[in-house]
Structures are given as structure tokens and as C-alpha cells.
């Protein structure tokens, strides 16, 4: 995922599997990160989220990026686009990100 996000201006969403075995994921880096820092942040978030497996969903909000996976499609395909230059609507707001800058949060469900 980190490679795909880095090659798409710091944003990626997608799924793997089919039917009841589908996993949906989203990864996004803050605009202030360069591509190298974005990849490092998402790789670190992925290693933290590994500890949540086999949970149905998990989220990691780090100082620089956000990573989430779930067994259901939690993003709206019509508003979240992976094309460069398009507007991306996420479930977390910029105001929340501004307050969580000094540490990382993880949540497994």
C-alpha cells in the first residue's frame, strides 16, 4: 500500500479478495510529508496494524499518516478518488489531525 500511496500523491484506497473474504483499506499521508517520509510513515503504520490481525477492522493515526482496514467498504467510492488532482473526502477531518501530531494512535476492533 505504501508504494501505491506514494505514487499517487500520498493517497490510496482499495480492496483485495472477493465476496466475504474482501478486505478494504485506505492510506493517506499529510501534505507536509515528502514521498520518502510518506512511505516510511505508512510502512510503520502497517507494522503497527499487523498486531490487530485478525480483527475485523483497525486504524492507525500517526504523526504524518493514516491507515485503516476493515472487512466492509467504509469509504464512498463516488467521493473518494485515487486520481491525481481530484478531491478526496475522508472520514477524518483536518481539525482532528492538527491535534494529534505528537503521537500515534492505534485501534483494533
N, C-alpha and C. Protein backbone atom coordinates (compact mmCIF):
# COMPACT_ATOMS: atom_id res chain seq x y z
N UNK A 1 0.81 -1.19 0.00
CA UNK A 1 0.00 0.00 0.00
C UNK A 1 0.86 1.26 0.00
N UNK A 2 1.94 1.28 0.75
CA UNK A 2 2.75 2.50 0.84
C UNK A 2 3.27 2.91 -0.53
N UNK A 3 3.67 1.95 -1.35
CA UNK A 3 4.16 2.27 -2.69
C UNK A 3 3.05 2.92 -3.52
N UNK A 4 1.84 2.35 -3.43
CA UNK A 4 0.73 2.90 -4.21
C UNK A 4 0.35 4.30 -3.74
N UNK A 5 0.36 4.52 -2.44
CA UNK A 5 0.03 5.85 -1.92
C UNK A 5 1.09 6.87 -2.34
N UNK A 6 2.35 6.49 -2.24
CA UNK A 6 3.43 7.40 -2.60
C UNK A 6 3.36 7.77 -4.08
N UNK A 7 3.04 6.80 -4.92
CA UNK A 7 2.98 7.08 -6.35
C UNK A 7 1.69 7.81 -6.74
N UNK A 8 0.79 8.03 -5.78
CA UNK A 8 -0.46 8.73 -6.04
C UNK A 8 -0.63 9.93 -5.11
N UNK A 9 0.42 10.71 -4.96
CA UNK A 9 0.40 11.93 -4.15
C UNK A 9 -0.03 11.70 -2.71
N UNK A 10 0.34 10.56 -2.14
CA UNK A 10 0.10 10.31 -0.72
C UNK A 10 -1.26 9.76 -0.37
N UNK A 11 -1.99 9.23 -1.34
CA UNK A 11 -3.31 8.68 -1.05
C UNK A 11 -3.53 7.39 -1.82
N UNK A 12 -4.14 6.41 -1.13
CA UNK A 12 -4.53 5.16 -1.79
C UNK A 12 -5.71 4.55 -1.07
N UNK A 13 -6.62 3.97 -1.83
CA UNK A 13 -7.71 3.20 -1.27
C UNK A 13 -7.96 2.03 -2.20
N UNK A 14 -8.40 0.93 -1.64
CA UNK A 14 -8.65 -0.22 -2.49
C UNK A 14 -9.05 -1.43 -1.67
N UNK A 15 -9.14 -2.56 -2.35
CA UNK A 15 -9.55 -3.78 -1.69
C UNK A 15 -8.83 -4.97 -2.30
N UNK A 16 -8.79 -6.05 -1.54
CA UNK A 16 -8.24 -7.32 -2.01
C UNK A 16 -9.19 -8.42 -1.59
N UNK A 17 -9.24 -9.47 -2.38
CA UNK A 17 -10.11 -10.58 -2.09
C UNK A 17 -11.42 -10.47 -2.84
N UNK A 18 -12.36 -11.34 -2.49
CA UNK A 18 -13.68 -11.31 -3.13
C UNK A 18 -14.72 -11.87 -2.16
N UNK A 19 -15.96 -11.44 -2.38
CA UNK A 19 -17.06 -11.92 -1.55
C UNK A 19 -16.85 -11.64 -0.08
N UNK A 20 -17.10 -12.65 0.77
CA UNK A 20 -16.95 -12.49 2.22
C UNK A 20 -15.49 -12.42 2.66
N UNK A 21 -14.57 -12.64 1.75
CA UNK A 21 -13.14 -12.60 2.08
C UNK A 21 -12.49 -11.30 1.63
N UNK A 22 -13.26 -10.26 1.36
CA UNK A 22 -12.72 -8.98 0.89
C UNK A 22 -12.28 -8.12 2.08
N UNK A 23 -11.12 -7.49 1.93
CA UNK A 23 -10.62 -6.54 2.91
C UNK A 23 -10.45 -5.20 2.20
N UNK A 24 -10.96 -4.14 2.81
CA UNK A 24 -10.90 -2.79 2.25
C UNK A 24 -9.89 -1.98 3.05
N UNK A 25 -9.15 -1.12 2.37
CA UNK A 25 -8.12 -0.34 3.06
C UNK A 25 -8.00 1.05 2.47
N UNK A 26 -7.49 1.95 3.31
CA UNK A 26 -7.22 3.32 2.87
C UNK A 26 -5.94 3.77 3.56
N UNK A 27 -5.11 4.49 2.85
CA UNK A 27 -3.90 5.06 3.41
C UNK A 27 -3.72 6.47 2.89
N UNK A 28 -3.35 7.38 3.76
CA UNK A 28 -3.15 8.77 3.34
C UNK A 28 -2.04 9.40 4.16
N UNK A 29 -1.20 10.17 3.48
CA UNK A 29 -0.15 10.95 4.14
C UNK A 29 -0.55 12.41 4.17
N UNK A 30 -0.05 13.11 5.17
CA UNK A 30 -0.27 14.54 5.25
C UNK A 30 0.47 15.21 4.11
N UNK A 31 -0.04 16.33 3.65
CA UNK A 31 0.58 17.06 2.55
C UNK A 31 1.98 17.56 2.90
N UNK A 32 2.28 17.69 4.18
CA UNK A 32 3.58 18.22 4.59
C UNK A 32 4.72 17.21 4.45
N UNK A 33 4.40 15.94 4.22
CA UNK A 33 5.43 14.91 4.08
C UNK A 33 5.91 14.81 2.64
N UNK A 34 7.22 14.61 2.49
CA UNK A 34 7.72 14.29 1.16
C UNK A 34 7.43 12.81 0.91
N UNK A 35 7.67 12.35 -0.30
CA UNK A 35 7.29 10.99 -0.67
C UNK A 35 8.06 9.93 0.13
N UNK A 36 9.31 10.18 0.45
CA UNK A 36 10.09 9.24 1.24
C UNK A 36 9.53 9.11 2.66
N UNK A 37 9.20 10.24 3.27
CA UNK A 37 8.63 10.24 4.61
C UNK A 37 7.24 9.62 4.61
N UNK A 38 6.49 9.83 3.54
CA UNK A 38 5.16 9.23 3.41
C UNK A 38 5.28 7.71 3.41
N UNK A 39 6.19 7.17 2.62
CA UNK A 39 6.38 5.72 2.54
C UNK A 39 6.79 5.17 3.91
N UNK A 40 7.73 5.84 4.57
CA UNK A 40 8.19 5.40 5.89
C UNK A 40 7.04 5.41 6.89
N UNK A 41 6.24 6.46 6.89
CA UNK A 41 5.12 6.58 7.82
C UNK A 41 4.10 5.46 7.60
N UNK A 42 3.73 5.21 6.34
CA UNK A 42 2.75 4.17 6.06
C UNK A 42 3.30 2.78 6.34
N UNK A 43 4.60 2.56 6.08
CA UNK A 43 5.21 1.27 6.41
C UNK A 43 5.18 1.03 7.92
N UNK A 44 5.47 2.08 8.70
CA UNK A 44 5.43 1.98 10.15
C UNK A 44 4.01 1.73 10.63
N UNK A 45 3.05 2.43 10.05
CA UNK A 45 1.65 2.23 10.41
C UNK A 45 1.21 0.80 10.08
N UNK A 46 1.65 0.28 8.95
CA UNK A 46 1.30 -1.09 8.56
C UNK A 46 1.87 -2.10 9.56
N UNK A 47 3.08 -1.84 10.05
CA UNK A 47 3.66 -2.77 11.02
C UNK A 47 2.89 -2.72 12.34
N UNK A 48 2.37 -1.55 12.71
CA UNK A 48 1.57 -1.43 13.93
C UNK A 48 0.21 -2.09 13.75
N UNK A 49 -0.36 -1.95 12.58
CA UNK A 49 -1.69 -2.50 12.34
C UNK A 49 -1.65 -4.03 12.25
N UNK A 50 -0.48 -4.59 11.93
CA UNK A 50 -0.33 -6.05 11.90
C UNK A 50 -0.68 -6.69 13.23
N UNK A 51 -0.44 -5.97 14.32
CA UNK A 51 -0.74 -6.52 15.65
C UNK A 51 -2.25 -6.63 15.89
N UNK A 52 -3.04 -6.00 15.05
CA UNK A 52 -4.50 -6.05 15.19
C UNK A 52 -5.11 -7.28 14.53
N UNK A 53 -4.39 -7.90 13.63
CA UNK A 53 -4.92 -9.06 12.92
C UNK A 53 -5.21 -10.18 13.91
N UNK A 54 -6.27 -10.91 13.81
CA UNK A 54 -7.26 -10.96 12.73
C UNK A 54 -8.52 -10.14 13.03
N UNK A 55 -8.42 -8.97 13.62
CA UNK A 55 -9.58 -8.14 13.90
C UNK A 55 -10.34 -7.80 12.62
N UNK A 56 -11.62 -7.48 12.77
CA UNK A 56 -12.45 -7.14 11.62
C UNK A 56 -12.07 -5.79 11.03
N UNK A 57 -11.50 -4.91 11.86
CA UNK A 57 -11.07 -3.62 11.37
C UNK A 57 -10.01 -3.05 12.31
N UNK A 58 -9.23 -2.12 11.77
CA UNK A 58 -8.20 -1.47 12.58
C UNK A 58 -7.86 -0.12 11.96
N UNK A 59 -7.34 0.78 12.81
CA UNK A 59 -6.95 2.12 12.36
C UNK A 59 -5.65 2.51 13.05
N UNK A 60 -4.82 3.21 12.33
CA UNK A 60 -3.62 3.79 12.91
C UNK A 60 -3.53 5.23 12.42
N UNK A 61 -3.46 6.16 13.35
CA UNK A 61 -3.28 7.58 13.04
C UNK A 61 -1.94 7.98 13.62
N UNK A 62 -0.99 8.24 12.75
CA UNK A 62 0.35 8.61 13.17
C UNK A 62 0.59 10.08 12.89
N UNK A 63 1.69 10.56 13.38
CA UNK A 63 2.10 11.93 13.08
C UNK A 63 2.62 11.95 11.65
N UNK A 64 1.71 12.08 10.70
CA UNK A 64 2.09 12.15 9.30
C UNK A 64 1.23 11.32 8.37
N UNK A 65 0.51 10.32 8.91
CA UNK A 65 -0.28 9.48 8.01
C UNK A 65 -1.41 8.78 8.75
N UNK A 66 -2.32 8.21 7.97
CA UNK A 66 -3.48 7.49 8.48
C UNK A 66 -3.63 6.21 7.67
N UNK A 67 -3.90 5.11 8.36
CA UNK A 67 -4.07 3.82 7.71
C UNK A 67 -5.25 3.12 8.36
N UNK A 68 -6.11 2.52 7.54
CA UNK A 68 -7.28 1.82 8.07
C UNK A 68 -7.60 0.63 7.18
N UNK A 69 -8.06 -0.46 7.80
CA UNK A 69 -8.61 -1.57 7.04
C UNK A 69 -9.87 -2.06 7.73
N UNK A 70 -10.75 -2.72 6.97
CA UNK A 70 -11.98 -3.28 7.52
C UNK A 70 -12.48 -4.37 6.59
N UNK A 71 -13.40 -5.17 7.12
CA UNK A 71 -13.99 -6.23 6.30
C UNK A 71 -15.26 -5.75 5.59
N UNK A 72 -15.51 -4.44 5.61
CA UNK A 72 -16.61 -3.84 4.87
C UNK A 72 -16.12 -2.56 4.20
N UNK A 73 -16.80 -2.13 3.17
CA UNK A 73 -16.38 -0.92 2.45
C UNK A 73 -16.83 0.30 3.24
N UNK A 74 -15.90 0.94 3.92
CA UNK A 74 -16.19 2.08 4.79
C UNK A 74 -16.02 3.41 4.07
N UNK A 75 -15.51 3.41 2.87
CA UNK A 75 -15.35 4.64 2.09
C UNK A 75 -16.36 4.64 0.95
N UNK A 76 -16.71 5.84 0.52
CA UNK A 76 -17.66 6.01 -0.57
C UNK A 76 -16.88 6.12 -1.87
N UNK A 77 -17.01 5.15 -2.72
CA UNK A 77 -16.26 5.13 -3.98
C UNK A 77 -16.58 6.31 -4.87
N UNK A 78 -17.76 6.89 -4.72
CA UNK A 78 -18.12 8.00 -5.59
C UNK A 78 -17.48 9.32 -5.16
N UNK A 79 -17.03 9.44 -3.88
CA UNK A 79 -16.43 10.68 -3.43
C UNK A 79 -14.93 10.55 -3.17
N UNK A 80 -14.45 9.36 -2.96
CA UNK A 80 -13.02 9.16 -2.73
C UNK A 80 -12.39 8.71 -4.03
N UNK A 81 -11.48 9.50 -4.53
CA UNK A 81 -10.88 9.18 -5.82
C UNK A 81 -9.39 9.00 -5.66
N UNK A 82 -8.82 8.10 -6.42
CA UNK A 82 -7.38 7.91 -6.38
C UNK A 82 -6.70 8.63 -7.54
N UNK A 83 -7.43 9.38 -8.32
CA UNK A 83 -6.83 10.10 -9.44
C UNK A 83 -6.18 11.37 -8.92
N UNK A 84 -5.03 11.70 -9.46
CA UNK A 84 -4.32 12.90 -9.06
C UNK A 84 -5.16 14.13 -9.38
N UNK A 85 -5.18 15.07 -8.45
CA UNK A 85 -5.87 16.32 -8.68
C UNK A 85 -7.34 16.29 -8.27
N UNK A 86 -7.93 15.14 -7.99
CA UNK A 86 -9.32 15.06 -7.58
C UNK A 86 -9.45 15.31 -6.09
N UNK A 87 -10.61 15.74 -5.66
CA UNK A 87 -10.89 15.94 -4.26
C UNK A 87 -11.09 14.61 -3.57
N UNK A 88 -10.54 14.46 -2.39
CA UNK A 88 -10.65 13.23 -1.63
C UNK A 88 -11.39 13.54 -0.35
N UNK A 89 -12.50 12.85 -0.12
CA UNK A 89 -13.28 13.03 1.09
C UNK A 89 -13.01 11.85 2.00
N UNK A 90 -12.53 12.12 3.21
CA UNK A 90 -12.21 11.07 4.17
C UNK A 90 -13.11 11.19 5.39
N UNK A 91 -13.12 10.13 6.18
CA UNK A 91 -13.93 10.11 7.38
C UNK A 91 -13.29 10.86 8.54
N UNK A 92 -12.05 11.26 8.42
CA UNK A 92 -11.41 12.03 9.47
C UNK A 92 -11.19 13.45 8.95
N UNK A 93 -11.28 14.41 9.81
CA UNK A 93 -11.13 15.80 9.38
C UNK A 93 -9.77 16.36 9.70
N UNK A 94 -9.40 17.44 9.03
CA UNK A 94 -8.12 18.09 9.26
C UNK A 94 -7.99 18.62 10.67
N UNK A 95 -9.09 19.05 11.28
CA UNK A 95 -9.00 19.58 12.64
C UNK A 95 -8.55 18.50 13.63
N UNK A 96 -9.00 17.27 13.43
CA UNK A 96 -8.57 16.17 14.30
C UNK A 96 -7.08 15.92 14.11
N UNK A 97 -6.62 15.93 12.89
CA UNK A 97 -5.21 15.67 12.61
C UNK A 97 -4.32 16.72 13.26
N UNK A 98 -4.74 17.96 13.27
CA UNK A 98 -3.94 19.03 13.86
C UNK A 98 -3.68 18.81 15.34
N UNK A 99 -4.63 18.19 16.03
CA UNK A 99 -4.49 17.97 17.46
C UNK A 99 -3.70 16.72 17.81
N UNK A 100 -3.56 15.82 16.87
CA UNK A 100 -2.86 14.56 17.13
C UNK A 100 -1.58 14.55 16.30
N UNK A 101 -0.61 15.34 16.70
CA UNK A 101 0.61 15.45 15.94
C UNK A 101 1.81 14.83 16.64
N UNK A 102 1.78 14.70 17.93
CA UNK A 102 2.97 14.29 18.65
C UNK A 102 3.03 12.80 18.93
N UNK A 103 1.99 12.06 18.63
CA UNK A 103 2.00 10.64 18.94
C UNK A 103 1.16 9.86 17.95
N UNK A 104 1.15 8.58 18.11
CA UNK A 104 0.43 7.68 17.22
C UNK A 104 -0.68 6.98 17.97
N UNK A 105 -1.83 6.82 17.33
CA UNK A 105 -2.97 6.13 17.92
C UNK A 105 -3.24 4.85 17.13
N UNK A 106 -3.54 3.78 17.81
CA UNK A 106 -3.92 2.54 17.15
C UNK A 106 -5.22 2.05 17.78
N UNK A 107 -6.08 1.48 16.96
CA UNK A 107 -7.35 0.96 17.46
C UNK A 107 -7.70 -0.30 16.70
N UNK A 108 -7.89 -1.38 17.42
CA UNK A 108 -8.30 -2.64 16.83
C UNK A 108 -9.70 -2.97 17.31
N UNK A 109 -10.54 -3.44 16.42
CA UNK A 109 -11.90 -3.81 16.79
C UNK A 109 -12.14 -5.26 16.42
